[in-house]
Amino acid sequence: MKKALVLVDFQNDFIDGSLGTKEAQAILPNVIEKLSHYPKENRFATQDTHFEDYLSTQEGKNLPVIHCQNGTYGWEIRKEAQVAMSSTSSKFSSRINSAKLLEPKVVFSKILAKPTC
């Protein structure tokens, strides 16, 4: 069985932006280092994306903090992760640059194909 590394919402707003924490900032070097242990074809990422109407959505009503708004700095995958991914995989880099990362349902359907209890 192949192992994969999935960066889940590794975006600026979740690291040091509107929803960032000291803990998220602290793990940054370890996450970047961990990327080097996985073949480029086994590295994936999800990207939380919201639009201008975020505050009127169900999530926005429960978490009224604007974050990961499409096209903003906070929405972008952390630069260090982009560099680590693109230095070994131009295919992944093009996914980041075009904002067409894996849809979460695709990632999770692969991960949850064999549930463990």
PDB file of N, CA and C in Angstrom:
ATOM      1  N   MET A   1       0.845  -1.170   0.000  1.00  0.00           N
ATOM      2  CA  MET A   1       0.000   0.000   0.000  1.00  0.00           C
ATOM      3  C   MET A   1       0.896   1.241   0.000  1.00  0.00           C
ATOM      4  N   LYS A   2       0.569   2.198  -0.879  1.00  0.00           N
ATOM      5  CA  LYS A   2       1.319   3.441  -0.952  1.00  0.00           C
ATOM      6  C   LYS A   2       0.848   4.414   0.118  1.00  0.00           C
ATOM      7  N   LYS A   3       1.780   5.185   0.623  1.00  0.00           N
ATOM      8  CA  LYS A   3       1.431   6.235   1.573  1.00  0.00           C
ATOM      9  C   LYS A   3       1.357   7.561   0.825  1.00  0.00           C
ATOM     10  N   ALA A   4       0.447   8.414   1.265  1.00  0.00           N
ATOM     11  CA  ALA A   4       0.301   9.743   0.669  1.00  0.00           C
ATOM     12  C   ALA A   4       0.330  10.790   1.773  1.00  0.00           C
ATOM     13  N   LEU A   5       0.796  11.969   1.405  1.00  0.00           N
ATOM     14  CA  LEU A   5       0.772  13.101   2.316  1.00  0.00           C
ATOM     15  C   LEU A   5      -0.249  14.095   1.786  1.00  0.00           C
ATOM     16  N   VAL A   6      -1.216  14.425   2.623  1.00  0.00           N
ATOM     17  CA  VAL A   6      -2.255  15.375   2.237  1.00  0.00           C
ATOM     18  C   VAL A   6      -2.125  16.605   3.140  1.00  0.00           C
ATOM     19  N   LEU A   7      -1.805  17.728   2.527  1.00  0.00           N
ATOM     20  CA  LEU A   7      -1.796  18.996   3.254  1.00  0.00           C
ATOM     21  C   LEU A   7      -3.224  19.510   3.240  1.00  0.00           C
ATOM     22  N   VAL A   8      -3.832  19.581   4.394  1.00  0.00           N
ATOM     23  CA  VAL A   8      -5.224  20.021   4.487  1.00  0.00           C
ATOM     24  C   VAL A   8      -5.255  21.495   4.862  1.00  0.00           C
ATOM     25  N   ASP A   9      -5.739  22.304   3.916  1.00  0.00           N
ATOM     26  CA  ASP A   9      -5.929  23.738   4.141  1.00  0.00           C
ATOM     27  C   ASP A   9      -4.680  24.405   4.723  1.00  0.00           C
ATOM     28  N   PHE A  10      -3.532  24.098   4.168  1.00  0.00           N
ATOM     29  CA  PHE A  10      -2.262  24.665   4.638  1.00  0.00           C
ATOM     30  C   PHE A  10      -2.092  26.052   4.003  1.00  0.00           C
ATOM     31  N   GLN A  11      -2.965  26.957   4.431  1.00  0.00           N
ATOM     32  CA  GLN A  11      -3.088  28.275   3.831  1.00  0.00           C
ATOM     33  C   GLN A  11      -2.700  29.368   4.826  1.00  0.00           C
ATOM     34  N   ASN A  12      -2.320  30.513   4.279  1.00  0.00           N
ATOM     35  CA  ASN A  12      -1.843  31.623   5.107  1.00  0.00           C
ATOM     36  C   ASN A  12      -2.831  32.020   6.203  1.00  0.00           C
ATOM     37  N   ASP A  13      -4.107  32.087   5.901  1.00  0.00           N
ATOM     38  CA  ASP A  13      -5.074  32.493   6.924  1.00  0.00           C
ATOM     39  C   ASP A  13      -5.133  31.523   8.104  1.00  0.00           C
ATOM     40  N   PHE A  14      -4.808  30.264   7.879  1.00  0.00           N
ATOM     41  CA  PHE A  14      -4.824  29.287   8.967  1.00  0.00           C
ATOM     42  C   PHE A  14      -3.479  29.200   9.700  1.00  0.00           C
ATOM     43  N   ILE A  15      -2.462  29.842   9.148  1.00  0.00           N
ATOM     44  CA  ILE A  15      -1.133  29.790   9.771  1.00  0.00           C
ATOM     45  C   ILE A  15      -0.850  31.063  10.559  1.00  0.00           C
ATOM     46  N   ASP A  16      -0.866  32.202   9.870  1.00  0.00           N
ATOM     47  CA  ASP A  16      -0.611  33.457  10.583  1.00  0.00           C
ATOM     48  C   ASP A  16      -1.561  34.567  10.147  1.00  0.00           C
ATOM     49  N   GLY A  17      -2.663  34.168   9.548  1.00  0.00           N
ATOM     50  CA  GLY A  17      -3.661  35.132   9.108  1.00  0.00           C
ATOM     51  C   GLY A  17      -4.819  35.229  10.082  1.00  0.00           C
ATOM     52  N   SER A  18      -6.002  35.464   9.549  1.00  0.00           N
ATOM     53  CA  SER A  18      -7.174  35.743  10.385  1.00  0.00           C
ATOM     54  C   SER A  18      -7.544  34.606  11.344  1.00  0.00           C
ATOM     55  N   LEU A  19      -7.200  33.376  11.026  1.00  0.00           N
ATOM     56  CA  LEU A  19      -7.461  32.240  11.926  1.00  0.00           C
ATOM     57  C   LEU A  19      -6.172  31.522  12.329  1.00  0.00           C
ATOM     58  N   GLY A  20      -5.049  32.205  12.161  1.00  0.00           N
ATOM     59  CA  GLY A  20      -3.748  31.610  12.480  1.00  0.00           C
ATOM     60  C   GLY A  20      -3.496  31.493  13.973  1.00  0.00           C
ATOM     61  N   THR A  21      -2.544  30.639  14.298  1.00  0.00           N
ATOM     62  CA  THR A  21      -2.160  30.433  15.693  1.00  0.00           C
ATOM     63  C   THR A  21      -0.637  30.287  15.794  1.00  0.00           C
ATOM     64  N   LYS A  22      -0.117  30.461  17.002  1.00  0.00           N
ATOM     65  CA  LYS A  22       1.315  30.229  17.222  1.00  0.00           C
ATOM     66  C   LYS A  22       1.659  28.767  16.947  1.00  0.00           C
ATOM     67  N   GLU A  23       0.744  27.884  17.277  1.00  0.00           N
ATOM     68  CA  GLU A  23       0.982  26.448  17.056  1.00  0.00           C
ATOM     69  C   GLU A  23       1.112  26.130  15.563  1.00  0.00           C
ATOM     70  N   ALA A  24       0.258  26.740  14.750  1.00  0.00           N
ATOM     71  CA  ALA A  24       0.332  26.517  13.297  1.00  0.00           C
ATOM     72  C   ALA A  24       1.651  27.047  12.745  1.00  0.00           C
ATOM     73  N   GLN A  25       2.090  28.183  13.242  1.00  0.00           N
ATOM     74  CA  GLN A  25       3.367  28.750  12.808  1.00  0.00           C
ATOM     75  C   GLN A  25       4.526  27.849  13.225  1.00  0.00           C
ATOM     76  N   ALA A  26       4.412  27.257  14.412  1.00  0.00           N
ATOM     77  CA  ALA A  26       5.487  26.419  14.949  1.00  0.00           C
ATOM     78  C   ALA A  26       5.694  25.134  14.147  1.00  0.00           C
ATOM     79  N   ILE A  27       4.638  24.580  13.568  1.00  0.00           N
ATOM     80  CA  ILE A  27       4.795  23.313  12.842  1.00  0.00           C
ATOM     81  C   ILE A  27       5.254  23.502  11.395  1.00  0.00           C
ATOM     82  N   LEU A  28       5.297  24.730  10.931  1.00  0.00           N
ATOM     83  CA  LEU A  28       5.650  25.005   9.541  1.00  0.00           C
ATOM     84  C   LEU A  28       6.940  24.312   9.086  1.00  0.00           C
ATOM     85  N   PRO A  29       8.059  24.446   9.797  1.00  0.00           N
ATOM     86  CA  PRO A  29       9.285  23.772   9.340  1.00  0.00           C
ATOM     87  C   PRO A  29       9.142  22.249   9.258  1.00  0.00           C
ATOM     88  N   ASN A  30       8.433  21.655  10.214  1.00  0.00           N
ATOM     89  CA  ASN A  30       8.254  20.198  10.203  1.00  0.00           C
ATOM     90  C   ASN A  30       7.405  19.738   9.024  1.00  0.00           C
ATOM     91  N   VAL A  31       6.387  20.511   8.693  1.00  0.00           N
ATOM     92  CA  VAL A  31       5.538  20.150   7.548  1.00  0.00           C
ATOM     93  C   VAL A  31       6.351  20.199   6.263  1.00  0.00           C
ATOM     94  N   ILE A  32       7.130  21.249   6.094  1.00  0.00           N
ATOM     95  CA  ILE A  32       7.944  21.391   4.884  1.00  0.00           C
ATOM     96  C   ILE A  32       8.959  20.254   4.806  1.00  0.00           C
ATOM     97  N   GLU A  33       9.574  19.918   5.917  1.00  0.00           N
ATOM     98  CA  GLU A  33      10.546  18.819   5.936  1.00  0.00           C
ATOM     99  C   GLU A  33       9.876  17.486   5.610  1.00  0.00           C
ATOM    100  N   LYS A  34       8.667  17.286   6.126  1.00  0.00           N
ATOM    101  CA  LYS A  34       7.936  16.035   5.910  1.00  0.00           C
ATOM    102  C   LYS A  34       7.644  15.799   4.427  1.00  0.00           C
ATOM    103  N   LEU A  35       7.422  16.882   3.690  1.00  0.00           N
ATOM    104  CA  LEU A  35       7.151  16.760   2.255  1.00  0.00           C
ATOM    105  C   LEU A  35       8.253  15.990   1.527  1.00  0.00           C
ATOM    106  N   SER A  36       9.482  16.169   1.967  1.00  0.00           N
ATOM    107  CA  SER A  36      10.609  15.535   1.279  1.00  0.00           C
ATOM    108  C   SER A  36      10.614  14.014   1.421  1.00  0.00           C
ATOM    109  N   HIS A  37       9.824  13.485   2.335  1.00  0.00           N
ATOM    110  CA  HIS A  37       9.791  12.040   2.565  1.00  0.00           C
ATOM    111  C   HIS A  37       8.760  11.310   1.699  1.00  0.00           C
ATOM    112  N   TYR A  38       8.051  12.042   0.855  1.00  0.00           N
ATOM    113  CA  TYR A  38       7.007  11.447   0.020  1.00  0.00           C
ATOM    114  C   TYR A  38       7.306  11.702  -1.440  1.00  0.00           C
ATOM    115  N   PRO A  39       7.124  10.686  -2.281  1.00  0.00           N
ATOM    116  CA  PRO A  39       7.311  10.905  -3.718  1.00  0.00           C
ATOM    117  C   PRO A  39       6.331  11.959  -4.227  1.00  0.00           C
ATOM    118  N   LYS A  40       6.742  12.695  -5.237  1.00  0.00           N
ATOM    119  CA  LYS A  40       5.920  13.801  -5.734  1.00  0.00           C
ATOM    120  C   LYS A  40       4.518  13.363  -6.128  1.00  0.00           C
ATOM    121  N   GLU A  41       4.368  12.160  -6.633  1.00  0.00           N
ATOM    122  CA  GLU A  41       3.032  11.707  -7.054  1.00  0.00           C
ATOM    123  C   GLU A  41       2.128  11.336  -5.880  1.00  0.00           C
ATOM    124  N   ASN A  42       2.696  11.305  -4.677  1.00  0.00           N
ATOM    125  CA  ASN A  42       1.910  10.980  -3.484  1.00  0.00           C
ATOM    126  C   ASN A  42       1.718  12.184  -2.570  1.00  0.00           C
ATOM    127  N   ARG A  43       1.875  13.385  -3.107  1.00  0.00           N
ATOM    128  CA  ARG A  43       1.673  14.624  -2.349  1.00  0.00           C
ATOM    129  C   ARG A  43       0.411  15.309  -2.869  1.00  0.00           C
ATOM    130  N   PHE A  44      -0.480  15.636  -1.954  1.00  0.00           N
ATOM    131  CA  PHE A  44      -1.753  16.247  -2.334  1.00  0.00           C
ATOM    132  C   PHE A  44      -2.052  17.410  -1.387  1.00  0.00           C
ATOM    133  N   ALA A  45      -2.980  18.255  -1.789  1.00  0.00           N
ATOM    134  CA  ALA A  45      -3.376  19.372  -0.937  1.00  0.00           C
ATOM    135  C   ALA A  45      -4.837  19.712  -1.166  1.00  0.00           C
ATOM    136  N   THR A  46      -5.475  20.194  -0.115  1.00  0.00           N
ATOM    137  CA  THR A  46      -6.817  20.756  -0.246  1.00  0.00           C
ATOM    138  C   THR A  46      -6.679  22.255  -0.006  1.00  0.00           C
ATOM    139  N   GLN A  47      -7.665  23.001  -0.447  1.00  0.00           N
ATOM    140  CA  GLN A  47      -7.607  24.450  -0.288  1.00  0.00           C
ATOM    141  C   GLN A  47      -8.994  24.968   0.037  1.00  0.00           C
ATOM    142  N   ASP A  48      -9.148  25.447   1.278  1.00  0.00           N
ATOM    143  CA  ASP A  48     -10.411  26.036   1.711  1.00  0.00           C
ATOM    144  C   ASP A  48     -10.634  27.295   0.877  1.00  0.00           C
ATOM    145  N   THR A  49     -11.835  27.453   0.332  1.00  0.00           N
ATOM    146  CA  THR A  49     -12.116  28.598  -0.526  1.00  0.00           C
ATOM    147  C   THR A  49     -13.477  29.178  -0.193  1.00  0.00           C
ATOM    148  N   HIS A  50     -13.489  30.479   0.074  1.00  0.00           N
ATOM    149  CA  HIS A  50     -14.735  31.200   0.331  1.00  0.00           C
ATOM    150  C   HIS A  50     -14.821  32.390  -0.607  1.00  0.00           C
ATOM    151  N   PHE A  51     -16.023  32.917  -0.736  1.00  0.00           N
ATOM    152  CA  PHE A  51     -16.268  34.030  -1.643  1.00  0.00           C
ATOM    153  C   PHE A  51     -16.841  35.204  -0.864  1.00  0.00           C
ATOM    154  N   GLU A  52     -17.163  36.274  -1.554  1.00  0.00           N
ATOM    155  CA  GLU A  52     -17.611  37.503  -0.907  1.00  0.00           C
ATOM    156  C   GLU A  52     -18.861  37.318  -0.043  1.00  0.00           C
ATOM    157  N   ASP A  53     -19.665  36.322  -0.346  1.00  0.00           N
ATOM    158  CA  ASP A  53     -20.894  36.085   0.422  1.00  0.00           C
ATOM    159  C   ASP A  53     -20.675  35.195   1.647  1.00  0.00           C
ATOM    160  N   TYR A  54     -19.427  34.958   2.023  1.00  0.00           N
ATOM    161  CA  TYR A  54     -19.112  34.020   3.105  1.00  0.00           C
ATOM    162  C   TYR A  54     -19.925  34.266   4.374  1.00  0.00           C
ATOM    163  N   LEU A  55     -20.020  35.507   4.809  1.00  0.00           N
ATOM    164  CA  LEU A  55     -20.698  35.793   6.080  1.00  0.00           C
ATOM    165  C   LEU A  55     -22.188  35.466   6.048  1.00  0.00           C
ATOM    166  N   SER A  56     -22.763  35.329   4.872  1.00  0.00           N
ATOM    167  CA  SER A  56     -24.184  34.975   4.781  1.00  0.00           C
ATOM    168  C   SER A  56     -24.398  33.466   4.619  1.00  0.00           C
ATOM    169  N   THR A  57     -23.300  32.698   4.563  1.00  0.00           N
ATOM    170  CA  THR A  57     -23.417  31.240   4.443  1.00  0.00           C
ATOM    171  C   THR A  57     -23.592  30.608   5.820  1.00  0.00           C
ATOM    172  N   GLN A  58     -23.961  29.339   5.849  1.00  0.00           N
ATOM    173  CA  GLN A  58     -24.114  28.606   7.116  1.00  0.00           C
ATOM    174  C   GLN A  58     -22.826  28.673   7.928  1.00  0.00           C
ATOM    175  N   GLU A  59     -21.701  28.381   7.289  1.00  0.00           N
ATOM    176  CA  GLU A  59     -20.424  28.421   8.003  1.00  0.00           C
ATOM    177  C   GLU A  59     -20.129  29.835   8.493  1.00  0.00           C
ATOM    178  N   GLY A  60     -20.367  30.827   7.645  1.00  0.00           N
ATOM    179  CA  GLY A  60     -20.088  32.215   8.005  1.00  0.00           C
ATOM    180  C   GLY A  60     -20.912  32.702   9.187  1.00  0.00           C
ATOM    181  N   LYS A  61     -22.116  32.174   9.319  1.00  0.00           N
ATOM    182  CA  LYS A  61     -22.958  32.543  10.459  1.00  0.00           C
ATOM    183  C   LYS A  61     -22.435  31.923  11.750  1.00  0.00           C
ATOM    184  N   ASN A  62     -21.820  30.748  11.646  1.00  0.00           N
ATOM    185  CA  ASN A  62     -21.276  30.065  12.819  1.00  0.00           C
ATOM    186  C   ASN A  62     -19.842  30.493  13.133  1.00  0.00           C
ATOM    187  N   LEU A  63     -19.113  30.909  12.123  1.00  0.00           N
ATOM    188  CA  LEU A  63     -17.731  31.362  12.285  1.00  0.00           C
ATOM    189  C   LEU A  63     -17.589  32.679  11.524  1.00  0.00           C
ATOM    190  N   PRO A  64     -18.030  33.777  12.138  1.00  0.00           N
ATOM    191  CA  PRO A  64     -18.053  35.057  11.423  1.00  0.00           C
ATOM    192  C   PRO A  64     -16.680  35.733  11.340  1.00  0.00           C
ATOM    193  N   VAL A  65     -15.714  35.013  10.792  1.00  0.00           N
ATOM    194  CA  VAL A  65     -14.371  35.545  10.574  1.00  0.00           C
ATOM    195  C   VAL A  65     -14.045  35.320   9.104  1.00  0.00           C
ATOM    196  N   ILE A  66     -13.864  36.397   8.371  1.00  0.00           N
ATOM    197  CA  ILE A  66     -13.540  36.253   6.953  1.00  0.00           C
ATOM    198  C   ILE A  66     -12.158  35.629   6.834  1.00  0.00           C
ATOM    199  N   HIS A  67     -12.089  34.562   6.054  1.00  0.00           N
ATOM    200  CA  HIS A  67     -10.832  33.846   5.859  1.00  0.00           C
ATOM    201  C   HIS A  67     -10.861  33.113   4.527  1.00  0.00           C
ATOM    202  N   CYS A  68      -9.683  32.859   3.999  1.00  0.00           N
ATOM    203  CA  CYS A  68      -9.508  32.075   2.768  1.00  0.00           C
ATOM    204  C   CYS A  68     -10.432  32.539   1.650  1.00  0.00           C
ATOM    205  N   GLN A  69     -10.525  33.849   1.508  1.00  0.00           N
ATOM    206  CA  GLN A  69     -11.366  34.398   0.449  1.00  0.00           C
ATOM    207  C   GLN A  69     -10.621  34.258  -0.876  1.00  0.00           C
ATOM    208  N   ASN A  70     -11.282  33.654  -1.833  1.00  0.00           N
ATOM    209  CA  ASN A  70     -10.709  33.337  -3.136  1.00  0.00           C
ATOM    210  C   ASN A  70      -9.879  34.494  -3.697  1.00  0.00           C
ATOM    211  N   GLY A  71      -8.629  34.184  -4.049  1.00  0.00           N
ATOM    212  CA  GLY A  71      -7.758  35.160  -4.683  1.00  0.00           C
ATOM    213  C   GLY A  71      -6.967  36.050  -3.738  1.00  0.00           C
ATOM    214  N   THR A  72      -7.167  35.924  -2.434  1.00  0.00           N
ATOM    215  CA  THR A  72      -6.438  36.769  -1.480  1.00  0.00           C
ATOM    216  C   THR A  72      -5.166  36.070  -1.010  1.00  0.00           C
ATOM    217  N   TYR A  73      -4.300  36.839  -0.364  1.00  0.00           N
ATOM    218  CA  TYR A  73      -3.078  36.277   0.209  1.00  0.00           C
ATOM    219  C   TYR A  73      -3.422  35.193   1.239  1.00  0.00           C
ATOM    220  N   GLY A  74      -4.416  35.420   2.054  1.00  0.00           N
ATOM    221  CA  GLY A  74      -4.809  34.447   3.071  1.00  0.00           C
ATOM    222  C   GLY A  74      -5.293  33.133   2.497  1.00  0.00           C
ATOM    223  N   TRP A  75      -5.831  33.155   1.283  1.00  0.00           N
ATOM    224  CA  TRP A  75      -6.351  31.967   0.606  1.00  0.00           C
ATOM    225  C   TRP A  75      -5.240  31.099   0.033  1.00  0.00           C
ATOM    226  N   GLU A  76      -4.095  31.700  -0.239  1.00  0.00           N
ATOM    227  CA  GLU A  76      -3.003  30.977  -0.901  1.00  0.00           C
ATOM    228  C   GLU A  76      -2.397  29.896  -0.011  1.00  0.00           C
ATOM    229  N   ILE A  77      -1.984  28.804  -0.659  1.00  0.00           N
ATOM    230  CA  ILE A  77      -1.200  27.775   0.031  1.00  0.00           C
ATOM    231  C   ILE A  77       0.095  28.448   0.486  1.00  0.00           C
ATOM    232  N   ARG A  78       0.543  28.116   1.672  1.00  0.00           N
ATOM    233  CA  ARG A  78       1.752  28.738   2.229  1.00  0.00           C
ATOM    234  C   ARG A  78       2.901  28.650   1.222  1.00  0.00           C
ATOM    235  N   LYS A  79       3.608  29.745   1.026  1.00  0.00           N
ATOM    236  CA  LYS A  79       4.654  29.856   0.009  1.00  0.00           C
ATOM    237  C   LYS A  79       5.709  28.761   0.136  1.00  0.00           C
ATOM    238  N   GLU A  80       6.142  28.468   1.355  1.00  0.00           N
ATOM    239  CA  GLU A  80       7.150  27.428   1.554  1.00  0.00           C
ATOM    240  C   GLU A  80       6.657  26.073   1.057  1.00  0.00           C
ATOM    241  N   ALA A  81       5.379  25.798   1.238  1.00  0.00           N
ATOM    242  CA  ALA A  81       4.813  24.532   0.753  1.00  0.00           C
ATOM    243  C   ALA A  81       4.720  24.551  -0.768  1.00  0.00           C
ATOM    244  N   GLN A  82       4.363  25.689  -1.344  1.00  0.00           N
ATOM    245  CA  GLN A  82       4.322  25.797  -2.806  1.00  0.00           C
ATOM    246  C   GLN A  82       5.701  25.522  -3.392  1.00  0.00           C
ATOM    247  N   VAL A  83       6.733  26.099  -2.787  1.00  0.00           N
ATOM    248  CA  VAL A  83       8.099  25.907  -3.273  1.00  0.00           C
ATOM    249  C   VAL A  83       8.508  24.449  -3.139  1.00  0.00           C
ATOM    250  N   ALA A  84       8.222  23.843  -1.990  1.00  0.00           N
ATOM    251  CA  ALA A  84       8.580  22.438  -1.775  1.00  0.00           C
ATOM    252  C   ALA A  84       7.866  21.535  -2.773  1.00  0.00           C
ATOM    253  N   MET A  85       6.615  21.830  -3.051  1.00  0.00           N
ATOM    254  CA  MET A  85       5.858  21.027  -4.003  1.00  0.00           C
ATOM    255  C   MET A  85       6.338  21.262  -5.420  1.00  0.00           C
ATOM    256  N   SER A  86       6.519  22.499  -5.797  1.00  0.00           N
ATOM    257  CA  SER A  86       6.848  22.800  -7.189  1.00  0.00           C
ATOM    258  C   SER A  86       8.277  22.437  -7.546  1.00  0.00           C
ATOM    259  N   SER A  87       9.173  22.389  -6.570  1.00  0.00           N
ATOM    260  CA  SER A  87      10.555  22.043  -6.876  1.00  0.00           C
ATOM    261  C   SER A  87      10.686  20.585  -7.296  1.00  0.00           C
ATOM    262  N   THR A  88       9.693  19.778  -6.959  1.00  0.00           N
ATOM    263  CA  THR A  88       9.755  18.366  -7.328  1.00  0.00           C
ATOM    264  C   THR A  88       8.626  17.955  -8.261  1.00  0.00           C
ATOM    265  N   SER A  89       7.649  18.820  -8.436  1.00  0.00           N
ATOM    266  CA  SER A  89       6.502  18.422  -9.247  1.00  0.00           C
ATOM    267  C   SER A  89       5.874  19.619  -9.942  1.00  0.00           C
ATOM    268  N   SER A  90       6.174  19.781 -11.212  1.00  0.00           N
ATOM    269  CA  SER A  90       5.576  20.893 -11.953  1.00  0.00           C
ATOM    270  C   SER A  90       4.077  20.683 -12.103  1.00  0.00           C
ATOM    271  N   LYS A  91       3.638  19.420 -12.108  1.00  0.00           N
ATOM    272  CA  LYS A  91       2.207  19.128 -12.197  1.00  0.00           C
ATOM    273  C   LYS A  91       1.487  19.680 -10.969  1.00  0.00           C
ATOM    274  N   PHE A  92       2.075  19.456  -9.794  1.00  0.00           N
ATOM    275  CA  PHE A  92       1.453  19.973  -8.572  1.00  0.00           C
ATOM    276  C   PHE A  92       1.480  21.492  -8.574  1.00  0.00           C
ATOM    277  N   SER A  93       2.617  22.062  -8.988  1.00  0.00           N
ATOM    278  CA  SER A  93       2.742  23.516  -9.024  1.00  0.00           C
ATOM    279  C   SER A  93       1.670  24.132  -9.903  1.00  0.00           C
ATOM    280  N   SER A  94       1.392  23.519 -11.045  1.00  0.00           N
ATOM    281  CA  SER A  94       0.365  24.084 -11.916  1.00  0.00           C
ATOM    282  C   SER A  94      -1.002  23.995 -11.260  1.00  0.00           C
ATOM    283  N   ARG A  95      -1.231  22.962 -10.447  1.00  0.00           N
ATOM    284  CA  ARG A  95      -2.494  22.877  -9.722  1.00  0.00           C
ATOM    285  C   ARG A  95      -2.603  24.021  -8.721  1.00  0.00           C
ATOM    286  N   ILE A  96      -1.512  24.321  -8.047  1.00  0.00           N
ATOM    287  CA  ILE A  96      -1.544  25.422  -7.086  1.00  0.00           C
ATOM    288  C   ILE A  96      -1.778  26.736  -7.813  1.00  0.00           C
ATOM    289  N   ASN A  97      -1.031  26.967  -8.873  1.00  0.00           N
ATOM    290  CA  ASN A  97      -1.133  28.239  -9.575  1.00  0.00           C
ATOM    291  C   ASN A  97      -2.498  28.462 -10.197  1.00  0.00           C
ATOM    292  N   SER A  98      -3.164  27.412 -10.604  1.00  0.00           N
ATOM    293  CA  SER A  98      -4.478  27.575 -11.211  1.00  0.00           C
ATOM    294  C   SER A  98      -5.596  27.422 -10.186  1.00  0.00           C
ATOM    295  N   ALA A  99      -5.239  27.210  -8.927  1.00  0.00           N
ATOM    296  CA  ALA A  99      -6.199  27.048  -7.830  1.00  0.00           C
ATOM    297  C   ALA A  99      -7.122  25.863  -8.056  1.00  0.00           C
ATOM    298  N   LYS A 100      -6.650  24.868  -8.775  1.00  0.00           N
ATOM    299  CA  LYS A 100      -7.451  23.680  -9.012  1.00  0.00           C
ATOM    300  C   LYS A 100      -6.792  22.510  -8.291  1.00  0.00           C
ATOM    301  N   LEU A 101      -6.784  22.596  -6.999  1.00  0.00           N
ATOM    302  CA  LEU A 101      -6.256  21.502  -6.198  1.00  0.00           C
ATOM    303  C   LEU A 101      -7.303  20.409  -6.104  1.00  0.00           C
ATOM    304  N   LEU A 102      -6.941  19.326  -5.496  1.00  0.00           N
ATOM    305  CA  LEU A 102      -7.883  18.224  -5.360  1.00  0.00           C
ATOM    306  C   LEU A 102      -9.118  18.652  -4.594  1.00  0.00           C
ATOM    307  N   GLU A 103     -10.244  18.256  -5.089  1.00  0.00           N
ATOM    308  CA  GLU A 103     -11.487  18.492  -4.359  1.00  0.00           C
ATOM    309  C   GLU A 103     -11.438  17.623  -3.111  1.00  0.00           C
ATOM    310  N   PRO A 104     -11.819  18.160  -1.955  1.00  0.00           N
ATOM    311  CA  PRO A 104     -11.744  17.368  -0.722  1.00  0.00           C
ATOM    312  C   PRO A 104     -12.432  16.021  -0.826  1.00  0.00           C
ATOM    313  N   LYS A 105     -13.575  15.937  -1.506  1.00  0.00           N
ATOM    314  CA  LYS A 105     -14.261  14.641  -1.583  1.00  0.00           C
ATOM    315  C   LYS A 105     -13.420  13.605  -2.320  1.00  0.00           C
ATOM    316  N   VAL A 106     -12.599  14.038  -3.274  1.00  0.00           N
ATOM    317  CA  VAL A 106     -11.724  13.109  -3.979  1.00  0.00           C
ATOM    318  C   VAL A 106     -10.637  12.615  -3.041  1.00  0.00           C
ATOM    319  N   VAL A 107     -10.015  13.531  -2.317  1.00  0.00           N
ATOM    320  CA  VAL A 107      -8.961  13.161  -1.383  1.00  0.00           C
ATOM    321  C   VAL A 107      -9.504  12.227  -0.324  1.00  0.00           C
ATOM    322  N   PHE A 108     -10.603  12.615   0.300  1.00  0.00           N
ATOM    323  CA  PHE A 108     -11.112  11.816   1.396  1.00  0.00           C
ATOM    324  C   PHE A 108     -11.692  10.492   0.928  1.00  0.00           C
ATOM    325  N   SER A 109     -12.219  10.422  -0.271  1.00  0.00           N
ATOM    326  CA  SER A 109     -12.715   9.127  -0.737  1.00  0.00           C
ATOM    327  C   SER A 109     -11.556   8.154  -0.927  1.00  0.00           C
ATOM    328  N   LYS A 110     -10.384   8.653  -1.323  1.00  0.00           N
ATOM    329  CA  LYS A 110      -9.218   7.792  -1.445  1.00  0.00           C
ATOM    330  C   LYS A 110      -8.731   7.365  -0.065  1.00  0.00           C
ATOM    331  N   ILE A 111      -8.702   8.300   0.865  1.00  0.00           N
ATOM    332  CA  ILE A 111      -8.198   8.012   2.200  1.00  0.00           C
ATOM    333  C   ILE A 111      -9.146   7.069   2.940  1.00  0.00           C
ATOM    334  N   LEU A 112     -10.447   7.285   2.776  1.00  0.00           N
ATOM    335  CA  LEU A 112     -11.417   6.505   3.534  1.00  0.00           C
ATOM    336  C   LEU A 112     -11.877   5.241   2.822  1.00  0.00           C
ATOM    337  N   ALA A 113     -11.235   4.904   1.727  1.00  0.00           N
ATOM    338  CA  ALA A 113     -11.619   3.700   0.986  1.00  0.00           C
ATOM    339  C   ALA A 113     -11.549   2.459   1.881  1.00  0.00           C
ATOM    340  N   LYS A 114     -10.578   2.414   2.774  1.00  0.00           N
ATOM    341  CA  LYS A 114     -10.468   1.306   3.723  1.00  0.00           C
ATOM    342  C   LYS A 114     -10.514   1.880   5.125  1.00  0.00           C
ATOM    343  N   PRO A 115     -11.715   2.084   5.660  1.00  0.00           N
ATOM    344  CA  PRO A 115     -11.801   2.685   6.994  1.00  0.00           C
ATOM    345  C   PRO A 115     -11.180   1.784   8.055  1.00  0.00           C
ATOM    346  N   THR A 116     -10.570   2.419   9.021  1.00  0.00           N
ATOM    347  CA  THR A 116     -10.006   1.673  10.135  1.00  0.00           C
ATOM    348  C   THR A 116     -10.716   2.083  11.406  1.00  0.00           C
ATOM    349  N   CYS A 117     -10.938   1.148  12.278  1.00  0.00           N
ATOM    350  CA  CYS A 117     -11.631   1.440  13.553  1.00  0.00           C
ATOM    351  C   CYS A 117     -10.728   1.119  14.699  1.00  0.00           C
TER     352      CYS A 117
END
